[in-house]
N, C-alpha and C. Protein backbone atom coordinates (compact mmCIF):
# COMPACT_ATOMS: atom_id res chain seq x y z
N MET A 1 0.83 -1.20 0.00
CA MET A 1 0.00 0.00 0.00
C MET A 1 0.87 1.26 0.00
N ALA A 2 0.29 2.37 -0.47
CA ALA A 2 0.99 3.64 -0.51
C ALA A 2 1.00 4.27 0.87
N CYS A 3 1.58 5.47 0.97
CA CYS A 3 1.70 6.18 2.23
C CYS A 3 0.33 6.53 2.82
N GLU A 4 -0.64 6.81 1.98
CA GLU A 4 -1.94 7.29 2.43
C GLU A 4 -2.60 6.34 3.42
N GLN A 5 -3.18 6.90 4.46
CA GLN A 5 -3.87 6.10 5.46
C GLN A 5 -5.08 5.40 4.85
N PHE A 6 -5.26 4.14 5.23
CA PHE A 6 -6.40 3.37 4.73
C PHE A 6 -7.59 3.58 5.66
N ARG A 7 -8.71 4.02 5.08
CA ARG A 7 -9.93 4.27 5.85
C ARG A 7 -10.98 3.26 5.44
N ALA A 8 -11.12 2.22 6.24
CA ALA A 8 -11.94 1.07 5.86
C ALA A 8 -13.42 1.37 5.76
N GLY A 9 -13.92 2.39 6.43
CA GLY A 9 -15.36 2.61 6.48
C GLY A 9 -15.92 3.57 5.45
N LEU A 10 -15.10 4.14 4.60
CA LEU A 10 -15.59 5.15 3.66
C LEU A 10 -16.40 4.52 2.52
N VAL A 11 -17.51 5.17 2.19
CA VAL A 11 -18.37 4.75 1.07
C VAL A 11 -18.65 3.25 1.14
N GLY A 12 -19.05 2.79 2.30
CA GLY A 12 -19.39 1.39 2.44
C GLY A 12 -18.22 0.45 2.26
N GLY A 13 -17.02 0.95 2.52
CA GLY A 13 -15.83 0.11 2.36
C GLY A 13 -15.28 0.06 0.96
N LEU A 14 -15.86 0.83 0.04
CA LEU A 14 -15.40 0.81 -1.36
C LEU A 14 -14.22 1.74 -1.60
N VAL A 15 -14.01 2.69 -0.70
CA VAL A 15 -12.92 3.65 -0.87
C VAL A 15 -12.04 3.60 0.37
N GLY A 16 -10.89 2.95 0.26
CA GLY A 16 -9.98 2.86 1.39
C GLY A 16 -9.04 4.05 1.47
N GLN A 17 -8.49 4.43 0.31
CA GLN A 17 -7.58 5.58 0.23
C GLN A 17 -8.19 6.57 -0.78
N PRO A 18 -8.84 7.62 -0.30
CA PRO A 18 -9.55 8.54 -1.21
C PRO A 18 -8.70 9.11 -2.33
N ALA A 19 -7.52 9.64 -1.99
CA ALA A 19 -6.68 10.26 -3.01
C ALA A 19 -6.22 9.22 -4.03
N GLY A 20 -5.80 8.07 -3.55
CA GLY A 20 -5.34 7.01 -4.45
C GLY A 20 -6.44 6.48 -5.34
N THR A 21 -7.62 6.29 -4.76
CA THR A 21 -8.75 5.76 -5.53
C THR A 21 -9.21 6.75 -6.60
N LEU A 22 -9.36 8.01 -6.21
CA LEU A 22 -9.85 9.02 -7.15
C LEU A 22 -8.88 9.23 -8.31
N THR A 23 -7.60 9.35 -8.00
CA THR A 23 -6.63 9.62 -9.07
C THR A 23 -6.39 8.39 -9.93
N ALA A 24 -6.65 7.20 -9.41
CA ALA A 24 -6.52 5.99 -10.23
C ALA A 24 -7.51 6.01 -11.38
N LEU A 25 -8.62 6.71 -11.19
CA LEU A 25 -9.60 6.83 -12.27
C LEU A 25 -9.04 7.58 -13.47
N ALA A 26 -7.99 8.39 -13.25
CA ALA A 26 -7.35 9.09 -14.37
C ALA A 26 -6.77 8.09 -15.37
N LEU A 27 -6.30 6.96 -14.87
CA LEU A 27 -5.77 5.93 -15.76
C LEU A 27 -6.88 5.30 -16.59
N VAL A 28 -8.04 5.11 -15.97
CA VAL A 28 -9.19 4.60 -16.71
C VAL A 28 -9.58 5.59 -17.81
N VAL A 29 -9.62 6.86 -17.45
CA VAL A 29 -9.97 7.91 -18.42
C VAL A 29 -8.96 7.93 -19.56
N ALA A 30 -7.68 7.82 -19.23
CA ALA A 30 -6.64 7.82 -20.28
C ALA A 30 -6.85 6.67 -21.25
N GLY A 31 -7.16 5.50 -20.72
CA GLY A 31 -7.40 4.35 -21.59
C GLY A 31 -8.61 4.55 -22.48
N VAL A 32 -9.68 5.12 -21.93
CA VAL A 32 -10.90 5.38 -22.71
C VAL A 32 -10.61 6.40 -23.81
N VAL A 33 -9.84 7.43 -23.48
CA VAL A 33 -9.49 8.45 -24.48
C VAL A 33 -8.68 7.82 -25.62
N ILE A 34 -7.77 6.93 -25.27
CA ILE A 34 -6.98 6.23 -26.29
C ILE A 34 -7.89 5.42 -27.20
N LEU A 35 -8.84 4.71 -26.60
CA LEU A 35 -9.77 3.89 -27.37
C LEU A 35 -10.68 4.74 -28.25
N ALA A 36 -11.02 5.93 -27.78
CA ALA A 36 -11.96 6.79 -28.50
C ALA A 36 -11.28 7.71 -29.50
N GLY A 37 -9.95 7.65 -29.57
CA GLY A 37 -9.22 8.55 -30.46
C GLY A 37 -9.42 8.24 -31.92
N ARG A 38 -8.86 9.08 -32.76
CA ARG A 38 -8.97 8.88 -34.21
C ARG A 38 -8.35 7.54 -34.58
N ARG A 39 -9.01 6.83 -35.45
CA ARG A 39 -8.55 5.50 -35.83
C ARG A 39 -7.27 5.58 -36.65
N PRO A 40 -6.16 5.11 -36.12
CA PRO A 40 -4.90 5.12 -36.86
C PRO A 40 -4.80 3.92 -37.79
N ALA A 41 -3.71 3.85 -38.52
CA ALA A 41 -3.50 2.69 -39.39
C ALA A 41 -3.37 1.42 -38.56
N ALA A 42 -2.69 1.54 -37.41
CA ALA A 42 -2.47 0.38 -36.54
C ALA A 42 -3.59 0.31 -35.51
N VAL A 43 -4.78 -0.10 -35.94
CA VAL A 43 -5.94 -0.09 -35.05
C VAL A 43 -5.80 -1.10 -33.95
N ARG A 44 -5.43 -2.34 -34.28
CA ARG A 44 -5.42 -3.41 -33.30
C ARG A 44 -4.45 -3.16 -32.15
N PRO A 45 -3.19 -2.77 -32.42
CA PRO A 45 -2.28 -2.50 -31.29
C PRO A 45 -2.77 -1.38 -30.39
N ARG A 46 -3.35 -0.31 -30.95
CA ARG A 46 -3.82 0.80 -30.14
C ARG A 46 -5.01 0.37 -29.28
N TRP A 47 -5.88 -0.46 -29.84
CA TRP A 47 -7.02 -0.94 -29.07
C TRP A 47 -6.54 -1.81 -27.91
N THR A 48 -5.61 -2.70 -28.20
CA THR A 48 -5.06 -3.54 -27.13
C THR A 48 -4.42 -2.69 -26.05
N TYR A 49 -3.63 -1.72 -26.48
CA TYR A 49 -2.96 -0.82 -25.55
C TYR A 49 -3.97 -0.05 -24.71
N GLY A 50 -4.99 0.50 -25.34
CA GLY A 50 -6.01 1.25 -24.62
C GLY A 50 -6.73 0.41 -23.59
N LEU A 51 -7.06 -0.82 -23.95
CA LEU A 51 -7.73 -1.72 -23.01
C LEU A 51 -6.83 -2.06 -21.83
N LEU A 52 -5.54 -2.23 -22.09
CA LEU A 52 -4.61 -2.54 -21.01
C LEU A 52 -4.46 -1.34 -20.06
N VAL A 53 -4.46 -0.14 -20.60
CA VAL A 53 -4.38 1.05 -19.75
C VAL A 53 -5.62 1.15 -18.87
N VAL A 54 -6.79 0.87 -19.44
CA VAL A 54 -8.02 0.84 -18.64
C VAL A 54 -7.89 -0.19 -17.52
N ALA A 55 -7.35 -1.37 -17.85
CA ALA A 55 -7.18 -2.43 -16.85
C ALA A 55 -6.25 -2.00 -15.73
N VAL A 56 -5.20 -1.24 -16.07
CA VAL A 56 -4.30 -0.72 -15.04
C VAL A 56 -5.05 0.19 -14.09
N GLY A 57 -5.89 1.06 -14.64
CA GLY A 57 -6.67 1.96 -13.81
C GLY A 57 -7.65 1.22 -12.93
N VAL A 58 -8.35 0.25 -13.49
CA VAL A 58 -9.32 -0.53 -12.71
C VAL A 58 -8.61 -1.29 -11.59
N GLY A 59 -7.47 -1.89 -11.92
CA GLY A 59 -6.71 -2.61 -10.90
C GLY A 59 -6.23 -1.71 -9.78
N SER A 60 -5.85 -0.49 -10.14
CA SER A 60 -5.41 0.47 -9.13
C SER A 60 -6.57 0.91 -8.24
N VAL A 61 -7.75 1.08 -8.85
CA VAL A 61 -8.94 1.42 -8.07
C VAL A 61 -9.25 0.30 -7.08
N VAL A 62 -9.14 -0.93 -7.54
CA VAL A 62 -9.39 -2.08 -6.66
C VAL A 62 -8.42 -2.08 -5.48
N GLN A 63 -7.14 -1.80 -5.75
CA GLN A 63 -6.15 -1.82 -4.68
C GLN A 63 -6.35 -0.69 -3.68
N HIS A 64 -6.56 0.51 -4.16
CA HIS A 64 -6.68 1.66 -3.27
C HIS A 64 -8.10 1.85 -2.73
N GLY A 65 -9.05 1.17 -3.35
CA GLY A 65 -10.44 1.28 -2.92
C GLY A 65 -10.81 0.20 -1.91
N PRO A 66 -11.52 -0.84 -2.35
CA PRO A 66 -11.95 -1.87 -1.40
C PRO A 66 -10.82 -2.74 -0.87
N HIS A 67 -9.72 -2.85 -1.63
CA HIS A 67 -8.54 -3.60 -1.20
C HIS A 67 -8.88 -5.03 -0.77
N PRO A 68 -9.45 -5.83 -1.69
CA PRO A 68 -9.76 -7.23 -1.37
C PRO A 68 -8.49 -8.06 -1.28
N PRO A 69 -8.57 -9.31 -0.84
CA PRO A 69 -7.37 -10.15 -0.71
C PRO A 69 -6.61 -10.36 -2.02
N TRP A 70 -7.31 -10.28 -3.14
CA TRP A 70 -6.68 -10.51 -4.44
C TRP A 70 -6.24 -9.21 -5.12
N GLN A 71 -6.19 -8.11 -4.36
CA GLN A 71 -5.89 -6.81 -4.95
C GLN A 71 -4.53 -6.74 -5.62
N ALA A 72 -3.55 -7.48 -5.10
CA ALA A 72 -2.20 -7.42 -5.70
C ALA A 72 -2.21 -7.94 -7.14
N TYR A 73 -2.99 -8.98 -7.39
CA TYR A 73 -3.09 -9.51 -8.74
C TYR A 73 -3.81 -8.51 -9.66
N ALA A 74 -4.88 -7.89 -9.15
CA ALA A 74 -5.63 -6.92 -9.94
C ALA A 74 -4.78 -5.71 -10.30
N HIS A 75 -3.87 -5.34 -9.41
CA HIS A 75 -3.04 -4.16 -9.62
C HIS A 75 -1.78 -4.47 -10.43
N ASP A 76 -1.06 -5.53 -10.06
CA ASP A 76 0.26 -5.78 -10.62
C ASP A 76 0.23 -6.42 -12.01
N LEU A 77 -0.72 -7.32 -12.25
CA LEU A 77 -0.74 -8.02 -13.54
C LEU A 77 -1.04 -7.09 -14.72
N PRO A 78 -2.05 -6.19 -14.64
CA PRO A 78 -2.25 -5.27 -15.76
C PRO A 78 -1.06 -4.34 -15.99
N LEU A 79 -0.40 -3.94 -14.91
CA LEU A 79 0.77 -3.08 -15.06
C LEU A 79 1.89 -3.82 -15.78
N ALA A 80 2.10 -5.08 -15.41
CA ALA A 80 3.11 -5.89 -16.11
C ALA A 80 2.72 -6.07 -17.57
N ALA A 81 1.43 -6.22 -17.83
CA ALA A 81 0.96 -6.39 -19.21
C ALA A 81 1.25 -5.15 -20.05
N VAL A 82 1.01 -3.97 -19.50
CA VAL A 82 1.28 -2.72 -20.22
C VAL A 82 2.77 -2.58 -20.51
N LEU A 83 3.59 -2.83 -19.49
CA LEU A 83 5.03 -2.72 -19.67
C LEU A 83 5.53 -3.71 -20.71
N GLY A 84 5.03 -4.95 -20.63
CA GLY A 84 5.43 -5.96 -21.60
C GLY A 84 4.97 -5.61 -23.00
N PHE A 85 3.76 -5.05 -23.11
CA PHE A 85 3.23 -4.68 -24.42
C PHE A 85 4.04 -3.55 -25.03
N VAL A 86 4.36 -2.54 -24.22
CA VAL A 86 5.15 -1.41 -24.71
C VAL A 86 6.54 -1.87 -25.15
N ALA A 87 7.15 -2.75 -24.37
CA ALA A 87 8.47 -3.27 -24.72
C ALA A 87 8.41 -4.07 -26.01
N ALA A 88 7.40 -4.93 -26.14
CA ALA A 88 7.26 -5.75 -27.34
C ALA A 88 7.00 -4.90 -28.57
N ASP A 89 6.20 -3.85 -28.41
CA ASP A 89 5.88 -2.97 -29.54
C ASP A 89 7.14 -2.23 -30.00
N ALA A 90 7.94 -1.76 -29.04
CA ALA A 90 9.18 -1.07 -29.40
C ALA A 90 10.15 -2.03 -30.09
N ALA A 91 10.26 -3.24 -29.56
CA ALA A 91 11.17 -4.23 -30.16
C ALA A 91 10.73 -4.57 -31.58
N ALA A 92 9.42 -4.69 -31.78
CA ALA A 92 8.92 -5.00 -33.12
C ALA A 92 9.23 -3.88 -34.10
N ASP A 93 9.10 -2.65 -33.66
CA ASP A 93 9.40 -1.51 -34.52
C ASP A 93 10.89 -1.46 -34.86
N LEU A 94 11.72 -1.69 -33.85
CA LEU A 94 13.16 -1.62 -34.06
C LEU A 94 13.68 -2.73 -34.98
N THR A 95 13.07 -3.90 -34.90
CA THR A 95 13.53 -5.03 -35.70
C THR A 95 12.79 -5.16 -37.03
N GLY A 96 11.75 -4.34 -37.22
CA GLY A 96 10.99 -4.42 -38.45
C GLY A 96 10.10 -5.63 -38.54
N ARG A 97 9.78 -6.22 -37.40
CA ARG A 97 8.95 -7.41 -37.39
C ARG A 97 7.65 -7.13 -36.64
N ARG A 98 6.69 -7.97 -36.90
CA ARG A 98 5.41 -7.86 -36.20
C ARG A 98 5.52 -8.61 -34.88
N ALA A 99 5.21 -7.93 -33.78
CA ALA A 99 5.31 -8.57 -32.47
C ALA A 99 4.26 -9.67 -32.33
N PRO A 100 4.66 -10.88 -31.89
CA PRO A 100 3.68 -11.95 -31.67
C PRO A 100 2.65 -11.53 -30.64
N VAL A 101 1.42 -11.98 -30.83
CA VAL A 101 0.34 -11.61 -29.94
C VAL A 101 0.64 -12.04 -28.51
N TRP A 102 1.31 -13.18 -28.37
CA TRP A 102 1.55 -13.74 -27.04
C TRP A 102 2.75 -13.12 -26.35
N CYS A 103 3.53 -12.33 -27.06
CA CYS A 103 4.81 -11.87 -26.52
C CYS A 103 4.65 -11.12 -25.20
N TRP A 104 3.70 -10.19 -25.13
CA TRP A 104 3.54 -9.39 -23.92
C TRP A 104 2.83 -10.17 -22.82
N LEU A 105 2.24 -11.31 -23.18
CA LEU A 105 1.59 -12.13 -22.16
C LEU A 105 2.60 -12.90 -21.31
N VAL A 106 3.80 -13.11 -21.86
CA VAL A 106 4.81 -13.90 -21.14
C VAL A 106 5.20 -13.25 -19.81
N PRO A 107 5.64 -11.98 -19.80
CA PRO A 107 5.99 -11.38 -18.50
C PRO A 107 4.79 -11.25 -17.57
N THR A 108 3.60 -11.09 -18.15
CA THR A 108 2.40 -10.99 -17.32
C THR A 108 2.16 -12.30 -16.58
N ALA A 109 2.22 -13.40 -17.30
CA ALA A 109 2.02 -14.70 -16.68
C ALA A 109 3.15 -15.02 -15.70
N ALA A 110 4.37 -14.62 -16.05
CA ALA A 110 5.52 -14.92 -15.18
C ALA A 110 5.43 -14.18 -13.85
N LEU A 111 4.72 -13.04 -13.84
CA LEU A 111 4.64 -12.25 -12.61
C LEU A 111 3.68 -12.87 -11.59
N ALA A 112 2.72 -13.67 -12.06
CA ALA A 112 1.70 -14.23 -11.16
C ALA A 112 2.31 -14.98 -9.98
N PRO A 113 3.24 -15.91 -10.19
CA PRO A 113 3.84 -16.59 -9.03
C PRO A 113 4.74 -15.68 -8.20
N VAL A 114 5.29 -14.65 -8.83
CA VAL A 114 6.15 -13.73 -8.10
C VAL A 114 5.32 -12.93 -7.09
N ILE A 115 4.09 -12.59 -7.46
CA ILE A 115 3.21 -11.85 -6.55
C ILE A 115 2.99 -12.62 -5.27
N MET A 116 2.92 -13.93 -5.39
CA MET A 116 2.71 -14.76 -4.21
C MET A 116 3.88 -14.66 -3.24
N ALA A 117 5.07 -14.32 -3.74
CA ALA A 117 6.26 -14.21 -2.89
C ALA A 117 6.25 -12.96 -2.04
N GLY A 118 5.40 -11.99 -2.39
CA GLY A 118 5.29 -10.79 -1.58
C GLY A 118 5.47 -9.51 -2.38
N PRO A 119 5.12 -8.38 -1.79
CA PRO A 119 5.19 -7.09 -2.49
C PRO A 119 6.59 -6.72 -2.97
N LEU A 120 7.61 -7.02 -2.18
CA LEU A 120 8.97 -6.65 -2.57
C LEU A 120 9.39 -7.37 -3.84
N ALA A 121 9.13 -8.67 -3.90
CA ALA A 121 9.51 -9.45 -5.09
C ALA A 121 8.76 -8.94 -6.32
N SER A 122 7.48 -8.64 -6.14
CA SER A 122 6.69 -8.14 -7.26
C SER A 122 7.18 -6.78 -7.72
N THR A 123 7.52 -5.91 -6.78
CA THR A 123 8.01 -4.58 -7.12
C THR A 123 9.32 -4.66 -7.89
N LEU A 124 10.23 -5.53 -7.44
CA LEU A 124 11.52 -5.69 -8.13
C LEU A 124 11.33 -6.23 -9.54
N ALA A 125 10.41 -7.19 -9.69
CA ALA A 125 10.15 -7.75 -11.02
C ALA A 125 9.57 -6.69 -11.95
N GLN A 126 8.65 -5.88 -11.44
CA GLN A 126 8.07 -4.82 -12.25
C GLN A 126 9.10 -3.75 -12.60
N ALA A 127 10.01 -3.47 -11.67
CA ALA A 127 11.07 -2.50 -11.94
C ALA A 127 11.98 -2.99 -13.06
N ALA A 128 12.28 -4.28 -13.06
CA ALA A 128 13.12 -4.85 -14.11
C ALA A 128 12.41 -4.77 -15.46
N LEU A 129 11.13 -5.07 -15.46
CA LEU A 129 10.34 -5.00 -16.70
C LEU A 129 10.24 -3.56 -17.19
N ALA A 130 10.07 -2.63 -16.25
CA ALA A 130 10.01 -1.22 -16.62
C ALA A 130 11.33 -0.75 -17.22
N ALA A 131 12.44 -1.23 -16.67
CA ALA A 131 13.76 -0.86 -17.19
C ALA A 131 13.92 -1.31 -18.64
N VAL A 132 13.43 -2.52 -18.93
CA VAL A 132 13.49 -3.03 -20.31
C VAL A 132 12.64 -2.18 -21.24
N ALA A 133 11.40 -1.87 -20.79
CA ALA A 133 10.50 -1.06 -21.62
C ALA A 133 11.08 0.33 -21.86
N ILE A 134 11.65 0.93 -20.83
CA ILE A 134 12.23 2.27 -20.97
C ILE A 134 13.46 2.23 -21.86
N GLY A 135 14.31 1.24 -21.67
CA GLY A 135 15.50 1.11 -22.51
C GLY A 135 15.16 0.97 -23.98
N LEU A 136 14.18 0.11 -24.28
CA LEU A 136 13.76 -0.06 -25.67
C LEU A 136 13.10 1.22 -26.19
N GLY A 137 12.40 1.93 -25.31
CA GLY A 137 11.80 3.19 -25.71
C GLY A 137 12.84 4.23 -26.10
N LEU A 138 13.92 4.28 -25.35
CA LEU A 138 15.00 5.22 -25.67
C LEU A 138 15.68 4.84 -26.98
N LEU A 139 15.90 3.55 -27.20
CA LEU A 139 16.48 3.10 -28.47
C LEU A 139 15.55 3.43 -29.64
N ARG A 140 14.27 3.30 -29.39
CA ARG A 140 13.28 3.62 -30.42
C ARG A 140 13.28 5.10 -30.72
N ALA A 141 13.42 5.92 -29.68
CA ALA A 141 13.47 7.37 -29.89
C ALA A 141 14.69 7.76 -30.71
N ARG A 142 15.78 7.08 -30.49
CA ARG A 142 17.00 7.36 -31.24
C ARG A 142 16.86 6.94 -32.70
N ALA A 143 16.19 5.81 -32.93
CA ALA A 143 16.07 5.27 -34.29
C ALA A 143 14.94 5.88 -35.09
N ARG A 144 13.95 6.47 -34.40
CA ARG A 144 12.77 6.99 -35.09
C ARG A 144 12.59 8.48 -34.77
N PRO A 145 13.27 9.35 -35.51
CA PRO A 145 13.16 10.80 -35.23
C PRO A 145 11.73 11.31 -35.23
N ARG A 146 10.89 10.73 -36.05
CA ARG A 146 9.50 11.18 -36.13
C ARG A 146 8.76 10.92 -34.81
N LEU A 147 9.12 9.85 -34.13
CA LEU A 147 8.47 9.50 -32.87
C LEU A 147 9.18 10.08 -31.66
N ARG A 148 10.34 10.67 -31.88
CA ARG A 148 11.18 11.10 -30.75
C ARG A 148 10.46 12.03 -29.77
N PRO A 149 9.79 13.09 -30.24
CA PRO A 149 9.10 13.97 -29.26
C PRO A 149 8.06 13.21 -28.44
N THR A 150 7.29 12.36 -29.09
CA THR A 150 6.25 11.59 -28.39
C THR A 150 6.87 10.71 -27.32
N LEU A 151 7.91 9.98 -27.70
CA LEU A 151 8.53 9.03 -26.78
C LEU A 151 9.24 9.73 -25.63
N LEU A 152 10.00 10.77 -25.93
CA LEU A 152 10.78 11.44 -24.89
C LEU A 152 9.89 12.18 -23.90
N VAL A 153 8.83 12.82 -24.40
CA VAL A 153 7.91 13.50 -23.49
C VAL A 153 7.22 12.48 -22.58
N ALA A 154 6.76 11.38 -23.15
CA ALA A 154 6.10 10.34 -22.35
C ALA A 154 7.04 9.79 -21.28
N LEU A 155 8.28 9.51 -21.66
CA LEU A 155 9.24 8.98 -20.70
C LEU A 155 9.60 10.00 -19.63
N ALA A 156 9.70 11.26 -20.01
CA ALA A 156 10.03 12.31 -19.03
C ALA A 156 8.90 12.47 -18.01
N VAL A 157 7.66 12.47 -18.49
CA VAL A 157 6.52 12.59 -17.57
C VAL A 157 6.44 11.38 -16.65
N LEU A 158 6.70 10.20 -17.21
CA LEU A 158 6.68 8.98 -16.42
C LEU A 158 7.77 9.01 -15.35
N ALA A 159 8.95 9.47 -15.72
CA ALA A 159 10.06 9.54 -14.76
C ALA A 159 9.76 10.53 -13.65
N ALA A 160 9.17 11.67 -14.00
CA ALA A 160 8.79 12.67 -12.98
C ALA A 160 7.77 12.09 -12.02
N GLY A 161 6.79 11.37 -12.56
CA GLY A 161 5.78 10.75 -11.71
C GLY A 161 6.36 9.71 -10.78
N ALA A 162 7.28 8.90 -11.30
CA ALA A 162 7.91 7.87 -10.48
C ALA A 162 8.74 8.49 -9.36
N LEU A 163 9.44 9.58 -9.67
CA LEU A 163 10.24 10.26 -8.66
C LEU A 163 9.37 10.84 -7.56
N ILE A 164 8.32 11.54 -7.94
CA ILE A 164 7.42 12.14 -6.95
C ILE A 164 6.73 11.06 -6.12
N GLY A 165 6.32 9.99 -6.78
CA GLY A 165 5.68 8.90 -6.06
C GLY A 165 6.60 8.26 -5.05
N THR A 166 7.86 8.06 -5.44
CA THR A 166 8.84 7.46 -4.53
C THR A 166 9.13 8.36 -3.34
N LEU A 167 9.34 9.65 -3.61
CA LEU A 167 9.60 10.60 -2.53
C LEU A 167 8.40 10.71 -1.59
N GLY A 168 7.21 10.63 -2.15
CA GLY A 168 6.02 10.75 -1.35
C GLY A 168 5.75 9.55 -0.46
N GLU A 169 6.38 8.43 -0.77
CA GLU A 169 6.16 7.22 0.01
C GLU A 169 7.31 6.91 0.96
N ARG A 170 8.53 7.30 0.61
CA ARG A 170 9.70 6.81 1.34
C ARG A 170 10.52 7.90 2.01
N THR A 171 10.01 9.12 2.02
CA THR A 171 10.74 10.22 2.67
C THR A 171 9.82 10.94 3.65
N GLY A 172 10.30 12.04 4.18
CA GLY A 172 9.50 12.84 5.10
C GLY A 172 8.29 13.47 4.46
N TRP A 173 8.20 13.39 3.12
CA TRP A 173 7.02 13.91 2.44
C TRP A 173 5.78 13.07 2.73
N CYS A 174 5.98 11.87 3.24
CA CYS A 174 4.86 10.97 3.52
C CYS A 174 4.05 11.50 4.70
N GLN A 175 2.83 11.90 4.42
CA GLN A 175 1.88 12.37 5.43
C GLN A 175 0.60 11.55 5.26
N PRO A 176 0.46 10.47 6.03
CA PRO A 176 -0.66 9.54 5.82
C PRO A 176 -2.04 10.18 5.87
N ASP A 177 -2.22 11.23 6.66
CA ASP A 177 -3.54 11.85 6.81
C ASP A 177 -3.86 12.89 5.75
N SER A 178 -2.87 13.23 4.93
CA SER A 178 -3.07 14.28 3.93
C SER A 178 -3.71 13.73 2.66
N LEU A 179 -4.51 14.56 2.00
CA LEU A 179 -5.06 14.18 0.71
C LEU A 179 -4.09 14.46 -0.43
N LEU A 180 -3.02 15.19 -0.13
CA LEU A 180 -1.98 15.45 -1.12
C LEU A 180 -0.93 14.35 -1.01
N GLN A 181 -1.01 13.38 -1.87
CA GLN A 181 -0.17 12.19 -1.80
C GLN A 181 0.72 12.07 -3.04
N GLY A 182 1.98 11.71 -2.79
CA GLY A 182 2.90 11.50 -3.91
C GLY A 182 2.42 10.40 -4.83
N HIS A 183 1.85 9.34 -4.28
CA HIS A 183 1.38 8.24 -5.11
C HIS A 183 0.21 8.68 -5.98
N ALA A 184 -0.61 9.58 -5.45
CA ALA A 184 -1.72 10.11 -6.24
C ALA A 184 -1.20 10.92 -7.43
N VAL A 185 -0.14 11.70 -7.20
CA VAL A 185 0.49 12.45 -8.30
C VAL A 185 1.05 11.48 -9.33
N TRP A 186 1.62 10.38 -8.86
CA TRP A 186 2.13 9.34 -9.76
C TRP A 186 1.02 8.82 -10.67
N HIS A 187 -0.16 8.58 -10.09
CA HIS A 187 -1.29 8.12 -10.91
C HIS A 187 -1.59 9.11 -12.03
N LEU A 188 -1.65 10.38 -11.68
CA LEU A 188 -2.01 11.41 -12.66
C LEU A 188 -0.96 11.52 -13.77
N LEU A 189 0.31 11.55 -13.37
CA LEU A 189 1.37 11.69 -14.37
C LEU A 189 1.53 10.42 -15.19
N ALA A 190 1.31 9.25 -14.59
CA ALA A 190 1.36 8.00 -15.35
C ALA A 190 0.25 7.97 -16.39
N ALA A 191 -0.93 8.47 -16.03
CA ALA A 191 -2.03 8.54 -16.99
C ALA A 191 -1.68 9.43 -18.17
N VAL A 192 -1.08 10.58 -17.88
CA VAL A 192 -0.67 11.50 -18.95
C VAL A 192 0.39 10.85 -19.84
N ALA A 193 1.37 10.18 -19.21
CA ALA A 193 2.45 9.56 -19.96
C ALA A 193 1.93 8.44 -20.87
N LEU A 194 1.05 7.60 -20.36
CA LEU A 194 0.51 6.49 -21.16
C LEU A 194 -0.34 7.02 -22.31
N TRP A 195 -1.10 8.10 -22.05
CA TRP A 195 -1.87 8.72 -23.13
C TRP A 195 -0.94 9.33 -24.18
N ARG A 196 0.11 9.99 -23.71
CA ARG A 196 1.04 10.65 -24.65
C ARG A 196 1.78 9.62 -25.50
N LEU A 197 1.98 8.43 -24.97
CA LEU A 197 2.71 7.39 -25.69
C LEU A 197 1.88 6.74 -26.79
N ALA A 198 0.56 6.86 -26.70
CA ALA A 198 -0.34 6.14 -27.60
C ALA A 198 -0.05 6.32 -29.09
N PRO A 199 0.28 7.55 -29.57
CA PRO A 199 0.53 7.69 -31.01
C PRO A 199 1.69 6.85 -31.54
N ALA A 200 2.60 6.47 -30.65
CA ALA A 200 3.74 5.66 -31.09
C ALA A 200 3.41 4.18 -31.16
N ILE A 201 2.36 3.76 -30.48
CA ILE A 201 2.01 2.35 -30.43
C ILE A 201 1.56 1.87 -31.80
N GLY A 202 2.14 0.78 -32.25
CA GLY A 202 1.78 0.21 -33.55
C GLY A 202 2.51 0.83 -34.72
N HIS A 203 3.33 1.85 -34.46
CA HIS A 203 4.06 2.50 -35.55
C HIS A 203 5.11 1.55 -36.12
N ARG A 204 5.16 1.48 -37.42
CA ARG A 204 6.16 0.67 -38.09
C ARG A 204 6.69 1.45 -39.29
N VAL A 205 7.97 1.30 -39.58
CA VAL A 205 8.56 1.93 -40.75
C VAL A 205 8.30 1.08 -41.97
N THR A 206 7.65 1.67 -42.96
CA THR A 206 7.34 0.96 -44.20
C THR A 206 8.43 1.23 -45.21
N ARG A 207 9.08 0.18 -45.65
CA ARG A 207 10.13 0.34 -46.64
C ARG A 207 9.52 0.44 -48.03
N THR A 208 9.88 1.50 -48.73
CA THR A 208 9.40 1.67 -50.11
C THR A 208 10.26 0.85 -51.05
N LEU A 209 9.75 0.63 -52.25
CA LEU A 209 10.49 -0.15 -53.25
C LEU A 209 11.81 0.52 -53.57
N SER A 210 11.80 1.85 -53.71
CA SER A 210 13.04 2.57 -54.04
C SER A 210 14.02 2.48 -52.90
N GLY A 211 13.50 2.48 -51.63
CA GLY A 211 14.40 2.41 -50.51
C GLY A 211 14.99 1.04 -50.34
N ALA A 212 14.31 0.02 -50.89
CA ALA A 212 14.81 -1.34 -50.73
C ALA A 212 15.86 -1.67 -51.77
N LEU A 213 15.93 -0.87 -52.83
CA LEU A 213 16.88 -1.14 -53.91
C LEU A 213 18.25 -0.56 -53.61
């Protein structure tokens, strides 16, 4: 759980951490906006990505809201799926190949037994997956000048959110009774970053006949 104090009796037990629950809805909104956006050439990857972002938001609401016994799976698995999907999409673009449908499912499935080992193990596994996704994103930004602004802005916003979230949970900034929570800011900035990344999803370089000769 984040720094915010858990209040078990709010809204019939549906809202444990008000700031965390409310801002988690921003992720759901970001996913819906991605799904409702203008139809790009790569419709299927964007739809998959948008649905995964919605799932991240719903899982976060479950964790910060009612917090049932299975909340870790609801929260961590969609996040692993998004990270795996983003990494697979970047790798496919860099290699000029179509990413297999199952590729992003592998890290998601692999995380399930790790969650059983406890929050620390799950956090470390997600951090490793995030490092891979970010690394491939940076390589993609270098190789694709057209996507560079989209990718770098998304990564910068994500990094800022992660920093604020970490400081808000592990330093003197942690004030459990306050509605101003670093983790809540992380939710908002992560939503913005995932939305900003959407135009790059599914992008592939098409080689023309003249360029192939």
